[in-house]
Each structure stands twice: as structure tokens, then as C-alpha cells.
C-alpha atoms as a PDB file:
ATOM      1  CA  ASP A   1      92.122 116.372  88.390  1.00  0.00           C
ATOM      2  CA  ILE A   2      89.949 119.412  88.832  1.00  0.00           C
ATOM      3  CA  ASP A   3      87.502 119.791  85.960  1.00  0.00           C
ATOM      4  CA  GLU A   4      86.008 123.105  84.875  1.00  0.00           C
ATOM      5  CA  TYR A   5      82.586 123.218  83.232  1.00  0.00           C
ATOM      6  CA  ASP A   6      80.620 125.940  81.472  1.00  0.00           C
ATOM      7  CA  LEU A   7      76.864 126.193  82.004  1.00  0.00           C
ATOM      8  CA  SER A   8      75.027 127.689  79.035  1.00  0.00           C
ATOM      9  CA  THR A   9      72.100 128.334  81.389  1.00  0.00           C
ATOM     10  CA  PRO A  10      73.141 129.625  84.845  1.00  0.00           C
ATOM     11  CA  TRP A  11      72.563 127.128  87.692  1.00  0.00           C
ATOM     12  CA  ASP A  12      71.346 124.410  85.269  1.00  0.00           C
ATOM     13  CA  ILE A  13      73.809 121.484  85.290  1.00  0.00           C
ATOM     14  CA  THR A  14      71.984 119.814  82.417  1.00  0.00           C
ATOM     15  CA  THR A  15      73.557 122.496  80.192  1.00  0.00           C
ATOM     16  CA  ALA A  16      77.112 121.775  81.361  1.00  0.00           C
ATOM     17  CA  SER A  17      79.984 121.275  78.968  1.00  0.00           C
ATOM     18  CA  ARG A  18      83.519 120.439  80.079  1.00  0.00           C
ATOM     19  CA  LEU A  19      86.004 123.224  79.349  1.00  0.00           C
ATOM     20  CA  GLN A  20      89.290 122.041  80.791  1.00  0.00           C
ATOM     21  CA  SER A  21      91.025 120.024  83.456  1.00  0.00           C
ATOM     22  CA  LEU A  22      93.844 120.749  85.904  1.00  0.00           C
ATOM     23  CA  SER A  23      96.019 117.893  87.114  1.00  0.00           C
ATOM     24  CA  VAL A  24      96.847 118.144  90.821  1.00  0.00           C
ATOM     25  CA  ILE A  25      98.649 114.802  91.067  1.00  0.00           C
ATOM     26  CA  SER A  26     101.962 116.505  91.867  1.00  0.00           C
ATOM     27  CA  GLN A  27     100.388 117.863  95.063  1.00  0.00           C
ATOM     28  CA  ASP A  28      97.922 115.122  96.037  1.00  0.00           C
ATOM     29  CA  ALA A  29      96.527 112.031  94.309  1.00  0.00           C
ATOM     30  CA  GLY A  30      93.317 112.108  96.353  1.00  0.00           C
ATOM     31  CA  PRO A  31      91.582 115.458  95.757  1.00  0.00           C
ATOM     32  CA  GLN A  32      88.431 115.743  97.880  1.00  0.00           C
ATOM     33  CA  ASP A  33      87.165 119.319  97.813  1.00  0.00           C
ATOM     34  CA  VAL A  34      87.878 122.649  96.154  1.00  0.00           C
ATOM     35  CA  GLN A  35      87.026 126.207  97.217  1.00  0.00           C
ATOM     36  CA  PHE A  36      87.653 129.562  95.566  1.00  0.00           C
ATOM     37  CA  LYS A  37      88.332 133.043  96.856  1.00  0.00           C
ATOM     38  CA  PRO A  38      85.202 135.097  96.054  1.00  0.00           C
ATOM     39  CA  ASP A  39      87.025 137.063  93.325  1.00  0.00           C
ATOM     40  CA  GLY A  40      88.278 133.844  91.677  1.00  0.00           C
ATOM     41  CA  THR A  41      91.985 134.687  91.959  1.00  0.00           C
ATOM     42  CA  LYS A  42      92.837 131.865  94.387  1.00  0.00           C
ATOM     43  CA  MET A  43      91.811 128.242  94.569  1.00  0.00           C
ATOM     44  CA  PHE A  44      92.147 125.932  97.568  1.00  0.00           C
ATOM     45  CA  LEU A  45      92.214 122.178  97.196  1.00  0.00           C
ATOM     46  CA  LEU A  46      91.779 119.646  99.997  1.00  0.00           C
ATOM     47  CA  GLY A  47      93.715 116.450  99.380  1.00  0.00           C
ATOM     48  CA  GLN A  48      93.127 113.219 101.273  1.00  0.00           C
ATOM     49  CA  ASP A  49      96.364 111.400 100.392  1.00  0.00           C
ATOM     50  CA  ASN A  50      98.525 113.932 102.259  1.00  0.00           C
ATOM     51  CA  ASP A  51      95.706 115.412 104.384  1.00  0.00           C
ATOM     52  CA  SER A  52      96.656 118.898 103.299  1.00  0.00           C
ATOM     53  CA  VAL A  53      95.132 122.071 101.905  1.00  0.00           C
ATOM     54  CA  TYR A  54      96.833 123.397  98.763  1.00  0.00           C
ATOM     55  CA  GLU A  55      96.722 127.002  97.585  1.00  0.00           C
ATOM     56  CA  TYR A  56      96.861 127.973  93.918  1.00  0.00           C
ATOM     57  CA  ALA A  57      97.027 131.454  92.399  1.00  0.00           C
ATOM     58  CA  LEU A  58      94.947 132.039  89.271  1.00  0.00           C
ATOM     59  CA  SER A  59      96.407 134.764  87.056  1.00  0.00           C
ATOM     60  CA  SER A  60      93.065 134.979  85.243  1.00  0.00           C
ATOM     61  CA  ALA A  61      90.125 134.837  87.674  1.00  0.00           C
ATOM     62  CA  TRP A  62      88.085 131.620  87.613  1.00  0.00           C
ATOM     63  CA  ASN A  63      90.283 130.100  84.883  1.00  0.00           C
ATOM     64  CA  ILE A  64      91.957 126.941  86.211  1.00  0.00           C
ATOM     65  CA  SER A  65      94.295 126.772  83.216  1.00  0.00           C
ATOM     66  CA  THR A  66      96.091 129.777  84.766  1.00  0.00           C
ATOM     67  CA  ALA A  67      96.491 128.125  88.186  1.00  0.00           C
ATOM     68  CA  SER A  68      99.913 127.825  89.752  1.00  0.00           C
ATOM     69  CA  PHE A  69     100.624 126.040  93.030  1.00  0.00           C
ATOM     70  CA  THR A  70     101.854 128.383  95.774  1.00  0.00           C
ATOM     71  CA  THR A  71     101.836 126.616  99.163  1.00  0.00           C
ATOM     72  CA  SER A  72     100.294 123.878 101.277  1.00  0.00           C
ATOM     73  CA  PHE A  73      99.202 123.364 104.879  1.00  0.00           C
ATOM     74  CA  SER A  74      99.004 119.964 106.573  1.00  0.00           C
ATOM     75  CA  VAL A  75      95.994 119.088 108.734  1.00  0.00           C
ATOM     76  CA  THR A  76      97.347 115.626 109.632  1.00  0.00           C
ATOM     77  CA  SER A  77      97.736 116.509 113.324  1.00  0.00           C
ATOM     78  CA  GLN A  78      93.963 116.976 113.585  1.00  0.00           C
ATOM     79  CA  GLU A  79      92.532 114.821 110.786  1.00  0.00           C
ATOM     80  CA  GLY A  80      93.927 111.707 109.153  1.00  0.00           C
ATOM     81  CA  THR A  81      91.295 111.313 106.421  1.00  0.00           C
ATOM     82  CA  ALA A  82      90.358 114.821 105.268  1.00  0.00           C
ATOM     83  CA  LYS A  83      87.134 114.968 103.247  1.00  0.00           C
ATOM     84  CA  GLY A  84      85.571 118.444 103.320  1.00  0.00           C
ATOM     85  CA  LEU A  85      86.752 122.059 103.293  1.00  0.00           C
ATOM     86  CA  ALA A  86      84.847 125.274 103.981  1.00  0.00           C
ATOM     87  CA  ILE A  87      86.414 128.729 103.973  1.00  0.00           C
ATOM     88  CA  GLU A  88      84.816 131.769 105.564  1.00  0.00           C
ATOM     89  CA  GLU A  89      83.975 134.544 103.111  1.00  0.00           C
ATOM     90  CA  SER A  90      86.473 136.804 104.900  1.00  0.00           C
ATOM     91  CA  GLY A  91      89.259 134.326 104.163  1.00  0.00           C
ATOM     92  CA  LEU A  92      90.425 134.445 107.771  1.00  0.00           C
ATOM     93  CA  LYS A  93      89.150 131.009 108.875  1.00  0.00           C
ATOM     94  CA  PHE A  94      88.642 127.621 107.311  1.00  0.00           C
ATOM     95  CA  TYR A  95      87.204 124.323 108.484  1.00  0.00           C
ATOM     96  CA  ILE A  96      88.140 120.717 107.750  1.00  0.00           C
ATOM     97  CA  ILE A  97      86.000 117.623 108.276  1.00  0.00           C
ATOM     98  CA  GLY A  98      87.099 114.039 107.909  1.00  0.00           C
ATOM     99  CA  THR A  99      86.359 110.437 108.693  1.00  0.00           C
ATOM    100  CA  SER A 100      89.177 109.562 111.075  1.00  0.00           C
ATOM    101  CA  THR A 101      87.874 111.891 113.804  1.00  0.00           C
ATOM    102  CA  ASP A 102      84.329 112.617 112.527  1.00  0.00           C
ATOM    103  CA  ARG A 103      84.832 116.168 113.746  1.00  0.00           C
ATOM    104  CA  ILE A 104      85.168 119.627 112.299  1.00  0.00           C
ATOM    105  CA  HIS A 105      88.416 121.455 112.957  1.00  0.00           C
ATOM    106  CA  GLU A 106      88.877 125.218 112.757  1.00  0.00           C
ATOM    107  CA  TYR A 107      91.963 126.981 111.393  1.00  0.00           C
ATOM    108  CA  ALA A 108      92.857 130.656 111.125  1.00  0.00           C
ATOM    109  CA  MET A 109      94.802 132.589 108.521  1.00  0.00           C
ATOM    110  CA  SER A 110      96.359 135.726 110.005  1.00  0.00           C
ATOM    111  CA  THR A 111      96.414 137.237 106.500  1.00  0.00           C
ATOM    112  CA  ALA A 112      93.160 136.718 104.613  1.00  0.00           C
ATOM    113  CA  TRP A 113      93.304 134.094 101.868  1.00  0.00           C
ATOM    114  CA  ASP A 114      97.002 133.389 102.543  1.00  0.00           C
ATOM    115  CA  LEU A 115      97.478 129.736 103.470  1.00  0.00           C
ATOM    116  CA  SER A 116     101.113 130.349 104.440  1.00  0.00           C
ATOM    117  CA  THR A 117      99.754 132.177 107.526  1.00  0.00           C
ATOM    118  CA  ALA A 118      97.460 129.299 108.613  1.00  0.00           C
ATOM    119  CA  SER A 119      97.401 127.664 112.027  1.00  0.00           C
ATOM    120  CA  PHE A 120      95.099 125.267 113.860  1.00  0.00           C
ATOM    121  CA  THR A 121      92.873 127.054 116.366  1.00  0.00           C
ATOM    122  CA  LYS A 122      90.388 124.554 117.810  1.00  0.00           C
ATOM    123  CA  THR A 123      87.756 121.911 117.409  1.00  0.00           C
ATOM    124  CA  PRO A 124      84.734 124.105 118.240  1.00  0.00           C
ATOM    125  CA  GLU A 125      82.591 122.848 121.114  1.00  0.00           C
ATOM    126  CA  LYS A 126      79.458 124.199 119.450  1.00  0.00           C
ATOM    127  CA  ILE A 127      79.820 121.836 116.513  1.00  0.00           C
ATOM    128  CA  LYS A 128      81.373 118.770 118.154  1.00  0.00           C
ATOM    129  CA  ALA A 129      77.853 117.364 118.457  1.00  0.00           C
ATOM    130  CA  MET A 130      77.668 117.169 114.659  1.00  0.00           C
ATOM    131  CA  GLN A 131      79.488 113.835 114.824  1.00  0.00           C
ATOM    132  CA  LEU A 132      76.344 112.324 116.376  1.00  0.00           C
ATOM    133  CA  TYR A 133      74.495 112.872 113.089  1.00  0.00           C
ATOM    134  CA  GLU A 134      76.944 111.306 110.647  1.00  0.00           C
ATOM    135  CA  LEU A 135      79.452 108.498 111.107  1.00  0.00           C
ATOM    136  CA  ASN A 136      81.185 109.066 107.765  1.00  0.00           C
ATOM    137  CA  PRO A 137      81.211 112.826 107.064  1.00  0.00           C
ATOM    138  CA  GLN A 138      82.157 113.846 103.546  1.00  0.00           C
ATOM    139  CA  GLY A 139      81.615 117.576 103.165  1.00  0.00           C
ATOM    140  CA  ILE A 140      80.714 120.835 104.865  1.00  0.00           C
ATOM    141  CA  TYR A 141      79.288 124.171 103.768  1.00  0.00           C
ATOM    142  CA  LEU A 142      79.369 127.346 105.824  1.00  0.00           C
ATOM    143  CA  LYS A 143      76.681 129.989 105.276  1.00  0.00           C
ATOM    144  CA  PRO A 144      78.439 133.291 104.418  1.00  0.00           C
ATOM    145  CA  ASP A 145      77.068 135.036 107.536  1.00  0.00           C
ATOM    146  CA  LYS A 146      78.510 132.163 109.679  1.00  0.00           C
ATOM    147  CA  THR A 147      75.171 131.424 111.359  1.00  0.00           C
ATOM    148  CA  LYS A 148      74.708 127.923 109.908  1.00  0.00           C
ATOM    149  CA  MET A 149      76.776 124.986 108.746  1.00  0.00           C
ATOM    150  CA  TRP A 150      75.693 121.951 106.755  1.00  0.00           C
ATOM    151  CA  MET A 151      77.342 118.554 106.729  1.00  0.00           C
ATOM    152  CA  THR A 152      76.961 115.707 104.241  1.00  0.00           C
ATOM    153  CA  GLY A 153      77.864 112.094 104.743  1.00  0.00           C
ATOM    154  CA  ASN A 154      77.491 108.690 103.209  1.00  0.00           C
ATOM    155  CA  TYR A 155      76.704 106.578 106.270  1.00  0.00           C
ATOM    156  CA  TYR A 156      73.203 107.969 106.822  1.00  0.00           C
ATOM    157  CA  ASP A 157      73.070 109.544 103.339  1.00  0.00           C
ATOM    158  CA  ALA A 158      71.816 112.811 104.740  1.00  0.00           C
ATOM    159  CA  VAL A 159      72.420 116.543 104.765  1.00  0.00           C
ATOM    160  CA  ASN A 160      72.413 117.896 108.315  1.00  0.00           C
ATOM    161  CA  GLY A 161      72.181 121.595 109.144  1.00  0.00           C
ATOM    162  CA  PHE A 162      73.325 123.189 112.387  1.00  0.00           C
ATOM    163  CA  SER A 163      72.925 126.629 113.884  1.00  0.00           C
ATOM    164  CA  LEU A 164      76.206 128.177 114.980  1.00  0.00           C
ATOM    165  CA  ILE A 165      74.660 130.968 117.048  1.00  0.00           C
END
């Protein structure tokens, strides 16, 4: 499930109250990460059971009760245990990290925010060294200006930041 919460005080999780839940079991029983298009009209889910990214359209921005599944993209050829997803603000590239390769893989979407146009591009040399800092990577975050990336993991229980320039 994907759960949606309301914060009565912005950025204060102690004020959270659960609003609703979206079952994603028909796509993947092992949801790992979720990302949204900046305007809230699309949601992307990373599932570990099928090692795929799933795209949903939201007819009402930021409201998961209006989500409808549109398409999926398999990352199995590059990663067998997908854990983390980061999408560039432009919607033209996304990155997957997982524990079977301990690497970050880059994908491109020829049409922004349209997963049906996705293709694998590369495992960037600049960030291959990240695997030296975490043996069990769980998540990644890409700074909007694409100058830095952070990786979390549960082997060393650390957050590692890397410059991409």
C-alpha cells in the first residue's frame, strides 16, 4: 500500500494524520519507493517483487485516491533487487539503486514524465564508486540541480553524499 498523510503543521511529522491508502498489490507486492511529478499529476512507484517502475496518473493532483495505473517499465536487466528511485526534476531521467548490483543505473524518458518512453542508458562511471560506501543500498535522492546525490543503506547505517560535477 501507499499511505497518504496530512500534516497540520508543514514539515512536522508529529502532526501527521493518515488520510487514505492506495493498494498497489495488483502491480507489485513489494513497494519500495514512490516519487511524484512536481505538479502532483503523476506518481511513480518502484516495486521490488517485479523490479519495475510503475506509472500512475492522478486526476486530482496529489490525491492518491484518484490514481490509475498507466504503464510499467522493468529494470530487471540491470537490477534484480530494486530498492530506490530518483527522478530528475525535468522528468527526462531517472535512477534506480538496488542490492543485487549495489550500483546506480540511469534511464532516460524521451518524453518527460512518460514511462512508456523509458530506456536504460548507462551505469554512470562518476557514481560507480558509491558502492564502496554502502554494501546494502536502500535509497537515493538527487538534488534538483543534479549536482549532488545522496544514498542511504542499512549495512553501515549511513547517509552518503556525492558530488556529480
